[in-house]
N, C-alpha and C. Protein backbone atom coordinates (compact mmCIF):
# COMPACT_ATOMS: atom_id res chain seq x y z
N MET A 1 11.77 26.16 -7.33
CA MET A 1 11.09 26.13 -6.09
C MET A 1 10.00 25.92 -5.74
N LYS A 2 8.72 26.24 -6.75
CA LYS A 2 7.49 24.99 -6.45
C LYS A 2 7.79 24.39 -6.02
N ASN A 3 8.91 23.21 -7.07
CA ASN A 3 8.77 21.68 -7.51
C ASN A 3 9.43 21.04 -5.71
N LYS A 4 10.39 21.72 -5.03
CA LYS A 4 10.82 21.87 -3.78
C LYS A 4 9.78 21.76 -2.88
N LYS A 5 9.04 23.02 -2.76
CA LYS A 5 7.26 23.01 -2.06
C LYS A 5 6.82 21.90 -2.08
N ARG A 6 6.36 21.15 -3.38
CA ARG A 6 5.85 20.18 -3.81
C ARG A 6 6.48 18.86 -2.66
N ILE A 7 7.48 18.72 -3.45
CA ILE A 7 8.01 17.42 -2.62
C ILE A 7 8.23 17.58 -1.04
N ARG A 8 8.20 18.86 -0.43
CA ARG A 8 8.52 19.32 0.97
C ARG A 8 6.69 18.42 1.87
N PHE A 9 6.01 19.25 0.97
CA PHE A 9 4.74 18.78 1.41
C PHE A 9 4.14 17.58 1.45
N LEU A 10 4.50 16.84 -0.13
CA LEU A 10 4.54 15.07 0.07
C LEU A 10 4.81 14.54 0.66
N ASN A 11 6.41 14.71 1.27
CA ASN A 11 7.40 14.57 2.16
C ASN A 11 6.55 13.96 3.67
N GLY A 12 6.18 15.26 4.14
CA GLY A 12 4.95 15.69 5.14
C GLY A 12 4.08 14.59 5.42
N LEU A 13 3.87 15.29 4.12
CA LEU A 13 1.99 13.68 3.88
C LEU A 13 2.52 12.49 4.45
N LEU A 14 3.58 12.01 3.29
CA LEU A 14 3.51 10.22 3.87
C LEU A 14 4.65 10.41 5.40
N ASN A 15 5.30 11.30 5.76
CA ASN A 15 5.41 11.60 7.47
C ASN A 15 4.04 11.07 8.08
N ILE A 16 2.98 11.85 7.95
CA ILE A 16 1.66 12.12 8.87
C ILE A 16 0.88 10.13 8.58
N ILE A 17 1.10 9.72 7.13
CA ILE A 17 0.46 8.56 6.58
C ILE A 17 1.36 7.73 8.10
N LEU A 18 2.59 7.97 7.87
CA LEU A 18 3.82 7.03 8.92
C LEU A 18 2.93 6.71 9.91
N ALA A 19 3.32 7.82 10.44
CA ALA A 19 2.84 7.90 12.11
C ALA A 19 1.01 7.56 12.32
N PHE A 20 0.18 7.21 11.80
CA PHE A 20 -1.23 6.78 11.42
C PHE A 20 -1.20 5.95 11.71
N THR A 21 -0.58 4.73 10.78
CA THR A 21 -0.48 3.59 10.49
C THR A 21 0.22 3.18 11.55
N ILE A 22 1.02 3.89 11.76
CA ILE A 22 1.32 2.99 13.62
C ILE A 22 0.36 2.71 14.44
N LEU A 23 -0.28 4.33 14.38
CA LEU A 23 -1.16 4.74 15.80
C LEU A 23 -1.77 3.45 15.74
N LEU A 24 -2.61 3.34 14.16
CA LEU A 24 -3.80 2.52 14.36
C LEU A 24 -3.08 1.10 14.90
N PHE A 25 -2.67 0.49 14.20
CA PHE A 25 -1.40 -0.85 14.86
C PHE A 25 -1.57 -0.93 16.09
N ILE A 26 -1.24 0.29 17.03
CA ILE A 26 -1.31 0.25 18.69
C ILE A 26 -2.42 0.32 18.59
N ILE A 27 -3.43 1.30 18.35
CA ILE A 27 -5.03 0.97 18.64
C ILE A 27 -5.31 -0.37 18.95
N LEU A 28 -4.91 -1.16 17.59
CA LEU A 28 -5.71 -2.55 17.25
C LEU A 28 -4.99 -3.75 18.31
N ILE A 29 -3.96 -3.66 18.80
CA ILE A 29 -3.19 -4.39 19.62
C ILE A 29 -3.40 -3.88 21.05
N VAL A 30 -3.75 -2.86 21.42
CA VAL A 30 -4.75 -2.59 22.80
C VAL A 30 -5.78 -3.14 22.67
N SER A 31 -6.53 -2.60 21.45
CA SER A 31 -8.37 -2.78 21.44
C SER A 31 -8.59 -4.82 21.52
N GLN A 32 -7.32 -5.35 21.43
CA GLN A 32 -7.96 -6.33 21.32
C GLN A 32 -7.44 -7.17 23.02
N PHE A 33 -6.82 -6.50 23.94
CA PHE A 33 -6.47 -6.92 25.10
C PHE A 33 -7.74 -6.79 25.85
N TYR A 34 -8.72 -5.45 25.43
CA TYR A 34 -10.08 -5.28 25.76
C TYR A 34 -11.23 -5.68 25.34
N THR A 35 -11.09 -6.78 24.51
CA THR A 35 -12.32 -7.64 24.04
C THR A 35 -12.84 -8.75 24.67
N GLU A 36 -13.73 -8.77 25.27
CA GLU A 36 -14.76 -9.59 26.14
C GLU A 36 -15.31 -10.37 24.95
N ASN A 37 -15.57 -11.95 25.31
CA ASN A 37 -15.54 -13.24 24.55
C ASN A 37 -15.01 -14.18 23.44
N SER A 38 -13.41 -13.16 23.04
CA SER A 38 -12.24 -13.51 21.99
C SER A 38 -11.66 -14.58 23.03
N SER A 39 -11.36 -15.62 21.90
CA SER A 39 -10.40 -17.09 22.34
C SER A 39 -9.38 -16.47 22.09
N ILE A 40 -7.82 -16.64 22.63
CA ILE A 40 -7.22 -15.98 22.10
C ILE A 40 -6.11 -16.53 20.98
N ARG A 41 -7.04 -17.62 20.32
CA ARG A 41 -7.05 -17.84 18.40
C ARG A 41 -7.26 -16.68 18.07
N ASN A 42 -8.64 -15.81 18.56
CA ASN A 42 -9.11 -15.41 17.57
C ASN A 42 -8.43 -13.78 17.60
N ILE A 43 -7.77 -13.50 18.76
CA ILE A 43 -7.20 -12.39 19.62
C ILE A 43 -5.47 -12.43 18.20
N ILE A 44 -4.66 -13.75 18.66
CA ILE A 44 -4.03 -13.70 17.50
C ILE A 44 -3.48 -13.95 16.70
N LEU A 45 -4.94 -13.75 15.31
CA LEU A 45 -5.57 -14.01 14.44
C LEU A 45 -5.68 -12.84 14.02
N GLU A 46 -6.25 -12.36 14.99
CA GLU A 46 -6.64 -10.45 14.99
C GLU A 46 -5.36 -9.65 14.58
N ILE A 47 -4.39 -10.28 15.34
CA ILE A 47 -3.06 -9.05 15.76
C ILE A 47 -2.12 -9.21 14.18
N LEU A 48 -2.09 -10.76 14.16
CA LEU A 48 -1.35 -11.63 12.94
C LEU A 48 -1.78 -11.18 11.42
N LEU A 49 -3.37 -10.30 11.20
CA LEU A 49 -3.93 -9.84 10.09
C LEU A 49 -3.66 -8.34 9.85
N GLY A 50 -3.65 -7.67 11.45
CA GLY A 50 -3.55 -5.92 11.29
C GLY A 50 -2.17 -5.91 10.91
N LEU A 51 -1.40 -6.74 11.79
CA LEU A 51 -0.09 -7.08 11.57
C LEU A 51 0.13 -6.19 10.05
N ILE A 52 0.09 -7.69 8.86
CA ILE A 52 0.42 -8.05 7.67
C ILE A 52 -0.28 -6.75 7.36
N PHE A 53 -1.16 -6.35 7.44
CA PHE A 53 -2.24 -5.25 7.07
C PHE A 53 -1.57 -4.00 6.77
N TYR A 54 -2.02 -3.52 8.27
CA TYR A 54 -1.06 -1.76 8.34
C TYR A 54 0.88 -2.21 8.36
N GLY A 55 1.15 -3.35 8.38
CA GLY A 55 2.69 -3.60 7.55
C GLY A 55 2.41 -3.36 6.10
N GLY A 56 1.10 -3.31 5.41
CA GLY A 56 1.54 -3.32 3.93
C GLY A 56 1.82 -1.74 3.87
N TYR A 57 0.38 -1.43 4.78
CA TYR A 57 0.49 0.24 4.37
C TYR A 57 1.70 1.13 4.53
N PHE A 58 2.22 0.86 5.74
CA PHE A 58 3.67 1.22 6.27
C PHE A 58 4.69 0.61 5.44
N MET A 59 4.91 -0.26 4.74
CA MET A 59 5.75 -0.22 3.26
C MET A 59 6.23 0.10 2.49
N ILE A 60 4.71 0.09 2.34
CA ILE A 60 3.79 1.57 0.88
C ILE A 60 4.56 2.79 0.73
N THR A 61 3.77 3.51 2.17
CA THR A 61 4.24 4.80 2.35
C THR A 61 5.82 4.71 2.04
N PHE A 62 6.77 3.85 3.54
CA PHE A 62 8.26 3.80 3.14
C PHE A 62 8.43 3.86 2.07
N THR A 63 7.99 3.30 1.17
CA THR A 63 8.90 3.18 -0.23
C THR A 63 8.42 4.53 -0.76
N LEU A 64 7.48 4.66 -0.98
CA LEU A 64 6.82 6.28 -1.84
C LEU A 64 7.62 7.24 -1.34
N LYS A 65 8.36 7.09 0.00
CA LYS A 65 9.25 7.91 0.57
C LYS A 65 10.84 8.19 -0.27
N LYS A 66 11.21 6.69 0.00
CA LYS A 66 12.70 6.65 -1.20
C LYS A 66 12.32 6.79 -2.66
N ILE A 67 11.09 6.77 -3.27
CA ILE A 67 11.14 7.55 -4.59
C ILE A 67 11.20 8.66 -4.43
N LEU A 68 9.92 9.20 -3.50
CA LEU A 68 10.19 10.80 -3.43
C LEU A 68 11.50 11.50 -3.13
N LYS A 69 12.48 10.85 -3.06
CA LYS A 69 13.66 10.86 -2.27
C LYS A 69 14.68 11.37 -3.79
N SER A 70 14.56 10.19 -4.63
CA SER A 70 15.60 10.28 -5.65
C SER A 70 14.84 11.10 -6.76
N VAL A 71 13.41 11.24 -6.91
CA VAL A 71 12.97 12.56 -7.50
C VAL A 71 13.66 13.88 -6.78
N ARG A 72 13.62 14.66 -5.52
CA ARG A 72 14.00 15.50 -4.72
C ARG A 72 15.37 15.32 -5.66
N ASP A 73 16.32 14.22 -5.12
CA ASP A 73 17.79 14.04 -6.25
C ASP A 73 17.89 14.42 -7.94
N LYS A 74 16.74 14.42 -8.09
CA LYS A 74 16.84 14.64 -9.84
C LYS A 74 17.34 12.85 -10.67
N THR A 75 17.17 11.98 -9.78
CA THR A 75 17.48 10.35 -10.74
C THR A 75 16.26 9.47 -10.39
N PRO A 76 14.83 10.02 -10.81
CA PRO A 76 13.64 9.67 -10.84
C PRO A 76 13.80 7.83 -12.23
N PHE A 77 14.21 7.49 -13.49
CA PHE A 77 14.76 6.49 -13.89
C PHE A 77 16.26 5.72 -13.22
N ASN A 78 15.71 5.02 -12.28
CA ASN A 78 16.63 4.45 -12.40
C ASN A 78 16.21 3.09 -11.69
N LEU A 79 17.46 2.02 -11.46
CA LEU A 79 16.55 0.76 -11.11
C LEU A 79 16.01 0.66 -9.87
N ASP A 80 16.33 1.53 -8.72
CA ASP A 80 15.39 1.06 -7.40
C ASP A 80 14.41 1.90 -7.56
N ASN A 81 14.15 2.80 -8.19
CA ASN A 81 12.97 3.33 -8.19
C ASN A 81 12.18 1.81 -9.47
N ILE A 82 12.80 1.48 -10.40
CA ILE A 82 11.99 0.24 -10.98
C ILE A 82 10.93 -0.93 -9.88
N MET A 83 12.24 -1.08 -9.02
CA MET A 83 12.09 -2.21 -7.87
C MET A 83 11.31 -1.67 -7.11
N TYR A 84 11.24 -0.43 -6.63
CA TYR A 84 10.14 0.01 -5.87
C TYR A 84 8.72 0.09 -5.41
N PHE A 85 8.38 0.31 -7.11
CA PHE A 85 7.20 0.56 -8.04
C PHE A 85 6.76 -1.09 -7.81
N LYS A 86 7.58 -2.53 -8.00
CA LYS A 86 7.09 -3.44 -8.06
C LYS A 86 6.56 -3.72 -7.11
N ARG A 87 7.79 -3.60 -5.79
CA ARG A 87 7.09 -3.34 -4.47
C ARG A 87 5.86 -3.10 -4.24
N ILE A 88 5.79 -1.85 -4.39
CA ILE A 88 4.67 -1.58 -4.09
C ILE A 88 3.00 -1.65 -4.70
N GLY A 89 3.55 -2.24 -5.89
CA GLY A 89 2.33 -3.08 -6.41
C GLY A 89 2.49 -4.78 -5.31
N TYR A 90 3.27 -5.04 -5.28
CA TYR A 90 2.71 -6.27 -4.49
C TYR A 90 2.71 -6.29 -3.14
N TYR A 91 2.56 -4.90 -2.63
CA TYR A 91 2.55 -4.63 -1.12
C TYR A 91 0.92 -4.32 -1.38
N ILE A 92 0.44 -3.46 -2.29
CA ILE A 92 -1.32 -3.17 -2.20
C ILE A 92 -1.84 -4.23 -2.80
N PHE A 93 -0.94 -5.65 -3.66
CA PHE A 93 -2.24 -6.50 -3.33
C PHE A 93 -2.00 -7.48 -2.66
N ILE A 94 -1.61 -6.97 -1.44
CA ILE A 94 -1.43 -8.45 -0.30
C ILE A 94 -2.12 -7.75 0.92
N VAL A 95 -1.95 -6.14 0.50
CA VAL A 95 -2.81 -5.06 1.06
C VAL A 95 -4.58 -5.50 1.12
N GLY A 96 -4.60 -6.01 0.35
CA GLY A 96 -6.27 -5.98 -0.69
C GLY A 96 -6.58 -7.80 -0.29
N VAL A 97 -6.16 -8.26 -0.43
CA VAL A 97 -6.70 -9.65 0.25
C VAL A 97 -6.70 -9.92 1.60
N ILE A 98 -5.51 -9.13 2.36
CA ILE A 98 -5.55 -9.13 3.90
C ILE A 98 -7.35 -8.29 4.10
N ASP A 99 -7.72 -7.34 3.32
CA ASP A 99 -8.81 -6.42 3.61
C ASP A 99 -9.93 -7.35 2.90
N ALA A 100 -9.73 -8.03 2.46
CA ALA A 100 -11.06 -9.03 1.43
C ALA A 100 -10.98 -10.26 2.87
N ILE A 101 -9.97 -10.68 2.68
CA ILE A 101 -9.70 -11.51 4.30
C ILE A 101 -11.04 -10.99 5.37
N ILE A 102 -10.94 -9.53 5.83
CA ILE A 102 -10.81 -9.43 7.11
C ILE A 102 -12.26 -9.24 6.73
N ASN A 103 -12.78 -8.03 5.56
CA ASN A 103 -13.68 -8.31 5.75
C ASN A 103 -14.93 -8.84 4.99
N TYR A 104 -14.80 -10.10 3.99
CA TYR A 104 -15.24 -10.94 3.43
C TYR A 104 -16.63 -11.18 4.17
N PRO A 105 -16.68 -11.39 5.85
CA PRO A 105 -17.92 -11.79 6.32
C PRO A 105 -18.92 -11.22 6.92
N LYS A 106 -18.37 -9.91 6.80
CA LYS A 106 -18.76 -8.12 7.75
C LYS A 106 -20.04 -7.48 6.05
N PRO A 107 -21.50 -7.88 6.42
CA PRO A 107 -22.04 -6.83 5.41
C PRO A 107 -21.68 -5.68 5.32
N THR A 108 -22.11 -5.10 4.26
CA THR A 108 -21.81 -3.92 3.77
C THR A 108 -23.18 -3.14 3.62
N ASN A 109 -23.21 -1.80 4.37
CA ASN A 109 -24.23 -0.92 3.65
C ASN A 109 -24.63 -0.56 2.14
N LEU A 110 -23.41 -0.60 1.63
CA LEU A 110 -23.66 0.26 0.22
C LEU A 110 -24.64 -0.27 -0.32
N GLY A 111 -25.24 -2.00 -0.14
CA GLY A 111 -25.91 -2.60 -0.52
C GLY A 111 -25.81 -3.58 -2.36
N PHE A 112 -24.29 -3.31 -2.41
CA PHE A 112 -23.26 -3.46 -3.30
C PHE A 112 -22.84 -4.47 -3.35
N GLU A 113 -22.77 -5.67 -3.67
CA GLU A 113 -21.44 -6.87 -2.90
C GLU A 113 -20.93 -7.51 -4.38
N ILE A 114 -20.11 -8.30 -4.63
CA ILE A 114 -19.79 -8.93 -5.49
C ILE A 114 -19.37 -10.53 -4.95
N MET A 115 -19.94 -11.23 -5.43
CA MET A 115 -20.02 -12.78 -5.10
C MET A 115 -19.83 -12.96 -4.33
N SER A 116 -21.44 -12.12 -3.87
CA SER A 116 -22.07 -12.63 -2.57
C SER A 116 -22.29 -13.93 -2.46
N THR A 117 -22.17 -14.72 -1.10
CA THR A 117 -23.19 -15.92 -0.31
C THR A 117 -23.45 -15.58 1.08
N GLN A 118 -23.79 -16.70 1.53
CA GLN A 118 -24.95 -16.37 2.78
C GLN A 118 -24.22 -16.25 3.92
N TYR A 119 -22.39 -16.19 3.77
CA TYR A 119 -21.52 -16.47 4.75
C TYR A 119 -20.44 -14.83 4.81
N GLY A 120 -20.66 -14.64 3.40
CA GLY A 120 -19.93 -12.81 2.95
C GLY A 120 -20.11 -12.88 1.61
N SER A 121 -19.20 -11.87 1.35
CA SER A 121 -19.14 -11.46 -0.22
C SER A 121 -17.77 -10.51 0.07
N LEU A 122 -17.51 -10.61 -2.04
CA LEU A 122 -16.10 -9.47 -1.29
C LEU A 122 -16.94 -7.84 -1.77
N LYS A 123 -16.22 -7.21 -1.00
CA LYS A 123 -16.17 -5.87 -1.47
C LYS A 123 -15.63 -4.78 -2.67
N PRO A 124 -16.48 -3.77 -3.34
CA PRO A 124 -15.73 -3.13 -5.37
C PRO A 124 -14.97 -2.58 -4.06
N ILE A 125 -14.02 -2.30 -3.00
CA ILE A 125 -12.67 -1.96 -2.57
C ILE A 125 -12.00 -3.56 -3.10
N PHE A 126 -11.71 -4.15 -2.62
CA PHE A 126 -10.74 -5.67 -3.14
C PHE A 126 -10.33 -5.14 -4.91
N PHE A 127 -11.18 -4.92 -5.93
CA PHE A 127 -10.97 -4.95 -7.04
C PHE A 127 -10.03 -2.67 -7.29
N LEU A 128 -10.23 -2.24 -6.16
CA LEU A 128 -9.69 -0.97 -6.14
C LEU A 128 -8.25 -1.08 -5.96
N TYR A 129 -8.09 -2.25 -4.80
CA TYR A 129 -6.38 -2.42 -4.24
C TYR A 129 -6.27 -3.17 -5.42
N LEU A 130 -6.69 -4.38 -6.26
CA LEU A 130 -5.98 -5.18 -7.53
C LEU A 130 -5.87 -4.43 -8.49
N VAL A 131 -6.96 -2.98 -8.83
CA VAL A 131 -6.42 -2.56 -10.51
C VAL A 131 -5.34 -1.09 -9.31
N LEU A 132 -5.05 -1.00 -8.35
CA LEU A 132 -4.28 0.12 -7.77
C LEU A 132 -2.36 -0.91 -7.77
N SER A 133 -2.63 -2.04 -7.51
CA SER A 133 -1.81 -3.06 -7.75
C SER A 133 -1.27 -3.22 -8.97
N ILE A 134 -1.99 -2.95 -10.14
CA ILE A 134 -1.27 -3.69 -11.59
C ILE A 134 -0.75 -2.07 -12.30
N LEU A 135 -2.04 -1.11 -11.45
CA LEU A 135 -0.95 0.29 -11.73
C LEU A 135 -0.19 0.67 -11.13
N SER A 136 1.06 0.37 -10.61
CA SER A 136 2.34 0.46 -9.55
C SER A 136 2.62 -0.89 -10.71
N LEU A 137 2.44 -1.77 -11.47
CA LEU A 137 3.34 -2.97 -12.23
C LEU A 137 3.65 -2.39 -13.03
N ILE A 138 2.75 -1.23 -13.35
CA ILE A 138 2.47 -0.92 -15.27
C ILE A 138 3.76 -0.23 -14.87
N LEU A 139 3.36 0.97 -13.39
CA LEU A 139 4.02 2.38 -13.49
C LEU A 139 6.07 2.09 -13.83
N SER A 140 6.56 0.90 -12.79
CA SER A 140 7.19 -0.05 -13.21
C SER A 140 7.48 -0.53 -14.62
N ASP A 141 6.98 -0.77 -15.02
CA ASP A 141 7.66 -1.33 -16.27
C ASP A 141 7.83 0.22 -17.32
N VAL A 142 7.05 1.22 -17.18
CA VAL A 142 7.25 2.55 -17.37
C VAL A 142 8.44 2.76 -17.14
N PHE A 143 8.73 3.41 -15.99
CA PHE A 143 10.25 3.60 -15.69
C PHE A 143 11.28 2.50 -16.00
N ARG A 144 10.83 1.20 -16.21
CA ARG A 144 12.55 0.58 -16.99
C ARG A 144 12.64 1.15 -18.45
N MET A 145 10.85 1.02 -19.48
CA MET A 145 11.50 1.47 -20.35
C MET A 145 12.37 3.46 -20.79
N ALA A 146 11.91 4.21 -19.89
CA ALA A 146 12.54 5.17 -19.81
C ALA A 146 13.69 5.13 -19.34
N MET A 147 14.03 4.49 -18.34
CA MET A 147 15.51 4.40 -18.42
C MET A 147 16.16 4.05 -19.26
N GLU A 148 15.85 2.75 -19.84
CA GLU A 148 16.36 2.03 -21.24
C GLU A 148 16.80 3.73 -22.10
N ILE A 149 16.12 4.49 -22.83
CA ILE A 149 15.49 5.32 -23.10
C ILE A 149 16.77 6.26 -22.86
N LYS A 150 16.69 6.72 -21.68
CA LYS A 150 17.50 7.53 -20.89
C LYS A 150 19.03 7.07 -21.62
N GLU A 151 19.27 5.99 -21.13
CA GLU A 151 20.53 5.09 -21.53
C GLU A 151 20.93 5.29 -22.87
N GLU A 152 20.53 5.49 -23.52
CA GLU A 152 20.37 5.07 -25.16
C GLU A 152 21.10 6.66 -25.92
N ASN A 153 19.80 7.55 -24.96
CA ASN A 153 20.15 8.77 -25.90
C ASN A 153 21.36 9.33 -24.38
N ASP A 154 21.96 8.71 -23.28
CA ASP A 154 23.19 9.14 -23.18
C ASP A 154 24.45 8.77 -23.70
N LEU A 155 23.90 7.54 -24.50
CA LEU A 155 25.50 6.86 -25.45
C LEU A 155 25.21 7.95 -26.78
N THR A 156 24.42 8.34 -27.65
CA THR A 156 24.68 8.70 -28.62
C THR A 156 25.41 10.49 -28.44
N VAL A 157 25.12 11.18 -27.30
CA VAL A 157 25.86 12.15 -27.13
C VAL A 157 27.29 11.98 -26.83
């Protein structure tokens, strides 16, 4: 019973994140048309990078919902979840790279910059994206090993 409540809570939280991601992308598009002194090239570039950035978050959340569904169905160790964790790892890496590109020229208030030049710097959040991406790829390998062990145990019974 407690597990069902937690799954319902996580599913609701993922739905909220999906809606919030879509809302933020719409706000990004609308705000580009009210920006003064921006060339059409900059507007298109901002919208394209925003589409990749928010699309990545959307795909991460959507894929997490698929994994949560398999947990609810009590079949977490399957090939689909292995593939989903790999995808999430790639999505997080892409979001991190886009975030690094967008925020490279922006100064930080933290006073902590990595690989700083006069034009900009990498922010520490990029390394968080990198670590989360690697974590997701490791989880896909762990799930693959668990699935293989489960199959061996099923054959011995």
